[in-house]
Amino acid sequence: MNTKILTIALPVIAALALGVGLTAAAPAEAVSDSPCEFRFHLGGAYLKDGAVLGGGYVDCKTAGSTPVQFKTLLELRHKDKGSGWATRTVAQSEQIPAPVLNIATWAPCEPGGWEIRVTMWDTRRYTPEGAEKTEKYSDTSASMITNC
């Protein structure tokens, strides 16, 4: 069998066997509806020194105003063959991005699929009287499949 075909076919077969959706590593996309943007480091979870790392940064430079409260929850999630996504580690911050906030987490590597899920709560004043409104935004990175 041609080596080039094996190089392409083996990752596809592994992804199908794990039941993980096959997605290419997308460029770091921002959460589109938020006045602040979240960008995943390297587009999603990645391997380093026997660990799976996931992180990114919140950028409020283009938001037009600073939030009065802000919360970021970052989940590093794993999927075994035949099961659903399970959160392995969590990082959270209530720091207001001024204008940027970096956040990351890691877990020991396990074979299977990995992804990062971010949720942000952004509270701003919208009226001269000081009325506040909180918006919630979420996004999930591209999936990564590894055998460690």
C-alpha atoms as a PDB file:
ATOM      1  CA  MET A   1       0.000   0.000   0.000  1.00  0.00           C
ATOM      2  CA  ASN A   2       1.216   3.489  -0.778  1.00  0.00           C
ATOM      3  CA  THR A   3       2.789   5.263   2.255  1.00  0.00           C
ATOM      4  CA  LYS A   4       1.029   8.528   1.373  1.00  0.00           C
ATOM      5  CA  ILE A   5      -2.376   6.806   1.510  1.00  0.00           C
ATOM      6  CA  LEU A   6      -1.529   5.291   4.910  1.00  0.00           C
ATOM      7  CA  THR A   7      -0.468   8.702   6.217  1.00  0.00           C
ATOM      8  CA  ILE A   8      -3.876  10.120   5.302  1.00  0.00           C
ATOM      9  CA  ALA A   9      -6.025   7.069   6.075  1.00  0.00           C
ATOM     10  CA  LEU A  10      -4.736   6.129   9.539  1.00  0.00           C
ATOM     11  CA  PRO A  11      -5.781   9.376  11.327  1.00  0.00           C
ATOM     12  CA  VAL A  12      -9.212   9.197   9.659  1.00  0.00           C
ATOM     13  CA  ILE A  13      -9.674   5.569  10.745  1.00  0.00           C
ATOM     14  CA  ALA A  14      -8.565   6.445  14.298  1.00  0.00           C
ATOM     15  CA  ALA A  15     -11.038   9.350  14.448  1.00  0.00           C
ATOM     16  CA  LEU A  16     -13.897   7.195  13.238  1.00  0.00           C
ATOM     17  CA  ALA A  17     -13.016   4.444  15.723  1.00  0.00           C
ATOM     18  CA  LEU A  18     -13.100   6.962  18.590  1.00  0.00           C
ATOM     19  CA  GLY A  19     -16.387   8.412  17.404  1.00  0.00           C
ATOM     20  CA  VAL A  20     -14.874  11.895  17.400  1.00  0.00           C
ATOM     21  CA  GLY A  21     -15.919  14.336  14.700  1.00  0.00           C
ATOM     22  CA  LEU A  22     -13.095  14.975  12.295  1.00  0.00           C
ATOM     23  CA  THR A  23     -12.273  18.665  12.140  1.00  0.00           C
ATOM     24  CA  ALA A  24      -9.199  20.362  10.824  1.00  0.00           C
ATOM     25  CA  ALA A  25      -7.358  22.661  13.181  1.00  0.00           C
ATOM     26  CA  ALA A  26      -9.206  25.883  12.492  1.00  0.00           C
ATOM     27  CA  PRO A  27      -7.556  29.253  12.785  1.00  0.00           C
ATOM     28  CA  ALA A  28      -8.114  30.881  16.160  1.00  0.00           C
ATOM     29  CA  GLU A  29     -11.620  32.237  15.719  1.00  0.00           C
ATOM     30  CA  ALA A  30     -13.132  34.764  18.086  1.00  0.00           C
ATOM     31  CA  VAL A  31     -16.452  34.336  19.879  1.00  0.00           C
ATOM     32  CA  SER A  32     -18.465  36.492  17.499  1.00  0.00           C
ATOM     33  CA  ASP A  33     -21.381  37.774  19.627  1.00  0.00           C
ATOM     34  CA  SER A  34     -19.339  38.984  22.592  1.00  0.00           C
ATOM     35  CA  PRO A  35     -18.143  42.574  22.974  1.00  0.00           C
ATOM     36  CA  CYS A  36     -14.892  40.884  24.069  1.00  0.00           C
ATOM     37  CA  GLU A  37     -13.238  38.187  21.962  1.00  0.00           C
ATOM     38  CA  PHE A  38     -11.763  34.845  23.020  1.00  0.00           C
ATOM     39  CA  ARG A  39      -9.038  33.255  20.918  1.00  0.00           C
ATOM     40  CA  PHE A  40      -7.815  29.695  21.523  1.00  0.00           C
ATOM     41  CA  HIS A  41      -4.036  29.200  21.728  1.00  0.00           C
ATOM     42  CA  LEU A  42      -3.022  27.184  18.626  1.00  0.00           C
ATOM     43  CA  GLY A  43      -6.706  26.788  17.674  1.00  0.00           C
ATOM     44  CA  GLY A  44      -7.449  24.227  20.423  1.00  0.00           C
ATOM     45  CA  ALA A  45      -5.924  21.665  22.778  1.00  0.00           C
ATOM     46  CA  TYR A  46      -2.338  20.581  22.099  1.00  0.00           C
ATOM     47  CA  LEU A  47       0.293  18.150  23.445  1.00  0.00           C
ATOM     48  CA  LYS A  48       3.419  19.154  25.335  1.00  0.00           C
ATOM     49  CA  ASP A  49       5.677  17.007  27.537  1.00  0.00           C
ATOM     50  CA  GLY A  50       3.076  14.302  28.239  1.00  0.00           C
ATOM     51  CA  ALA A  51       0.296  16.748  28.995  1.00  0.00           C
ATOM     52  CA  VAL A  52      -2.640  18.174  27.077  1.00  0.00           C
ATOM     53  CA  LEU A  53      -2.797  21.944  27.330  1.00  0.00           C
ATOM     54  CA  GLY A  54      -5.633  24.259  26.496  1.00  0.00           C
ATOM     55  CA  GLY A  55      -5.892  27.977  26.758  1.00  0.00           C
ATOM     56  CA  GLY A  56      -6.441  31.266  25.094  1.00  0.00           C
ATOM     57  CA  TYR A  57      -6.964  34.909  25.745  1.00  0.00           C
ATOM     58  CA  VAL A  58      -9.851  37.302  26.179  1.00  0.00           C
ATOM     59  CA  ASP A  59      -9.388  40.561  24.292  1.00  0.00           C
ATOM     60  CA  CYS A  60     -11.592  43.550  25.114  1.00  0.00           C
ATOM     61  CA  LYS A  61      -9.606  46.152  23.134  1.00  0.00           C
ATOM     62  CA  THR A  62     -12.321  46.500  20.489  1.00  0.00           C
ATOM     63  CA  ALA A  63     -15.293  46.330  22.865  1.00  0.00           C
ATOM     64  CA  GLY A  64     -15.611  50.121  23.209  1.00  0.00           C
ATOM     65  CA  SER A  65     -15.930  50.025  27.000  1.00  0.00           C
ATOM     66  CA  THR A  66     -14.600  48.096  29.950  1.00  0.00           C
ATOM     67  CA  PRO A  67     -16.882  45.548  31.634  1.00  0.00           C
ATOM     68  CA  VAL A  68     -17.892  46.277  35.238  1.00  0.00           C
ATOM     69  CA  GLN A  69     -17.713  42.521  35.945  1.00  0.00           C
ATOM     70  CA  PHE A  70     -16.292  39.684  33.913  1.00  0.00           C
ATOM     71  CA  LYS A  71     -15.962  35.943  34.454  1.00  0.00           C
ATOM     72  CA  THR A  72     -14.188  33.400  32.266  1.00  0.00           C
ATOM     73  CA  LEU A  73     -14.586  29.620  32.647  1.00  0.00           C
ATOM     74  CA  LEU A  74     -12.252  27.401  30.598  1.00  0.00           C
ATOM     75  CA  GLU A  75     -12.844  23.633  30.465  1.00  0.00           C
ATOM     76  CA  LEU A  76     -10.394  21.078  29.051  1.00  0.00           C
ATOM     77  CA  ARG A  77     -12.601  18.195  27.929  1.00  0.00           C
ATOM     78  CA  HIS A  78     -11.790  14.579  26.985  1.00  0.00           C
ATOM     79  CA  LYS A  79     -13.724  11.946  25.059  1.00  0.00           C
ATOM     80  CA  ASP A  80     -13.118   8.183  25.233  1.00  0.00           C
ATOM     81  CA  LYS A  81     -14.305   5.842  22.517  1.00  0.00           C
ATOM     82  CA  GLY A  82     -18.063   5.379  22.808  1.00  0.00           C
ATOM     83  CA  SER A  83     -18.585   8.033  25.486  1.00  0.00           C
ATOM     84  CA  GLY A  84     -19.457  11.710  25.662  1.00  0.00           C
ATOM     85  CA  TRP A  85     -17.258  14.672  26.457  1.00  0.00           C
ATOM     86  CA  ALA A  86     -16.126  14.859  30.101  1.00  0.00           C
ATOM     87  CA  THR A  87     -14.429  17.835  31.751  1.00  0.00           C
ATOM     88  CA  ARG A  88     -10.924  16.935  32.988  1.00  0.00           C
ATOM     89  CA  THR A  89      -9.757  20.313  34.317  1.00  0.00           C
ATOM     90  CA  VAL A  90     -11.153  23.805  34.741  1.00  0.00           C
ATOM     91  CA  ALA A  91      -9.568  27.237  34.947  1.00  0.00           C
ATOM     92  CA  GLN A  92     -11.611  30.276  35.877  1.00  0.00           C
ATOM     93  CA  SER A  93     -11.015  33.945  36.404  1.00  0.00           C
ATOM     94  CA  GLU A  94     -13.072  36.911  37.532  1.00  0.00           C
ATOM     95  CA  GLN A  95     -10.376  39.331  36.420  1.00  0.00           C
ATOM     96  CA  ILE A  96     -11.625  42.039  34.081  1.00  0.00           C
ATOM     97  CA  PRO A  97      -9.591  41.983  30.855  1.00  0.00           C
ATOM     98  CA  ALA A  98      -7.686  45.262  30.791  1.00  0.00           C
ATOM     99  CA  PRO A  99      -7.553  44.926  27.815  1.00  0.00           C
ATOM    100  CA  VAL A 100      -6.278  41.284  27.584  1.00  0.00           C
ATOM    101  CA  LEU A 101      -6.559  38.279  29.920  1.00  0.00           C
ATOM    102  CA  ASN A 102      -4.642  35.026  29.355  1.00  0.00           C
ATOM    103  CA  ILE A 103      -6.074  31.809  30.800  1.00  0.00           C
ATOM    104  CA  ALA A 104      -4.980  28.172  30.457  1.00  0.00           C
ATOM    105  CA  THR A 105      -5.261  24.726  32.023  1.00  0.00           C
ATOM    106  CA  TRP A 106      -3.738  21.264  31.500  1.00  0.00           C
ATOM    107  CA  ALA A 107      -4.283  17.573  32.223  1.00  0.00           C
ATOM    108  CA  PRO A 108      -2.138  14.418  31.962  1.00  0.00           C
ATOM    109  CA  CYS A 109      -2.424  12.994  28.461  1.00  0.00           C
ATOM    110  CA  GLU A 110      -4.926  10.190  27.851  1.00  0.00           C
ATOM    111  CA  PRO A 111      -5.644   8.644  24.447  1.00  0.00           C
ATOM    112  CA  GLY A 112      -8.809   9.961  22.828  1.00  0.00           C
ATOM    113  CA  GLY A 113     -10.326  13.242  21.775  1.00  0.00           C
ATOM    114  CA  TRP A 114      -9.655  16.600  23.418  1.00  0.00           C
ATOM    115  CA  GLU A 115     -11.312  20.006  23.126  1.00  0.00           C
ATOM    116  CA  ILE A 116     -11.548  23.282  25.007  1.00  0.00           C
ATOM    117  CA  ARG A 117     -14.834  24.943  25.975  1.00  0.00           C
ATOM    118  CA  VAL A 118     -14.894  28.578  27.059  1.00  0.00           C
ATOM    119  CA  THR A 119     -17.802  30.442  28.658  1.00  0.00           C
ATOM    120  CA  MET A 120     -17.678  34.161  29.444  1.00  0.00           C
ATOM    121  CA  TRP A 121     -20.073  36.357  31.438  1.00  0.00           C
ATOM    122  CA  ASP A 122     -19.708  40.036  30.533  1.00  0.00           C
ATOM    123  CA  THR A 123     -21.503  42.660  32.670  1.00  0.00           C
ATOM    124  CA  ARG A 124     -21.691  46.260  31.431  1.00  0.00           C
ATOM    125  CA  ARG A 125     -23.531  49.477  32.276  1.00  0.00           C
ATOM    126  CA  TYR A 126     -25.883  50.394  29.468  1.00  0.00           C
ATOM    127  CA  THR A 127     -27.739  53.440  30.761  1.00  0.00           C
ATOM    128  CA  PRO A 128     -26.755  56.725  32.405  1.00  0.00           C
ATOM    129  CA  GLU A 129     -28.683  55.584  35.492  1.00  0.00           C
ATOM    130  CA  GLY A 130     -26.218  52.718  35.873  1.00  0.00           C
ATOM    131  CA  ALA A 131     -28.415  49.780  34.832  1.00  0.00           C
ATOM    132  CA  GLU A 132     -26.303  46.710  34.192  1.00  0.00           C
ATOM    133  CA  LYS A 133     -26.789  43.819  31.819  1.00  0.00           C
ATOM    134  CA  THR A 134     -24.914  40.504  31.835  1.00  0.00           C
ATOM    135  CA  GLU A 135     -24.402  38.570  28.615  1.00  0.00           C
ATOM    136  CA  LYS A 136     -23.175  34.968  28.468  1.00  0.00           C
ATOM    137  CA  TYR A 137     -21.091  33.707  25.540  1.00  0.00           C
ATOM    138  CA  SER A 138     -19.659  30.239  24.836  1.00  0.00           C
ATOM    139  CA  ASP A 139     -17.420  28.636  22.224  1.00  0.00           C
ATOM    140  CA  THR A 140     -15.708  25.273  21.681  1.00  0.00           C
ATOM    141  CA  SER A 141     -12.362  24.712  19.982  1.00  0.00           C
ATOM    142  CA  ALA A 142     -11.606  22.266  17.209  1.00  0.00           C
ATOM    143  CA  SER A 143     -11.138  18.684  18.473  1.00  0.00           C
ATOM    144  CA  MET A 144      -7.747  17.007  18.707  1.00  0.00           C
ATOM    145  CA  ILE A 145      -7.243  13.239  18.698  1.00  0.00           C
ATOM    146  CA  THR A 146      -4.183  11.689  20.342  1.00  0.00           C
ATOM    147  CA  ASN A 147      -2.715   8.362  21.366  1.00  0.00           C
ATOM    148  CA  CYS A 148      -0.266  10.149  23.689  1.00  0.00           C
END
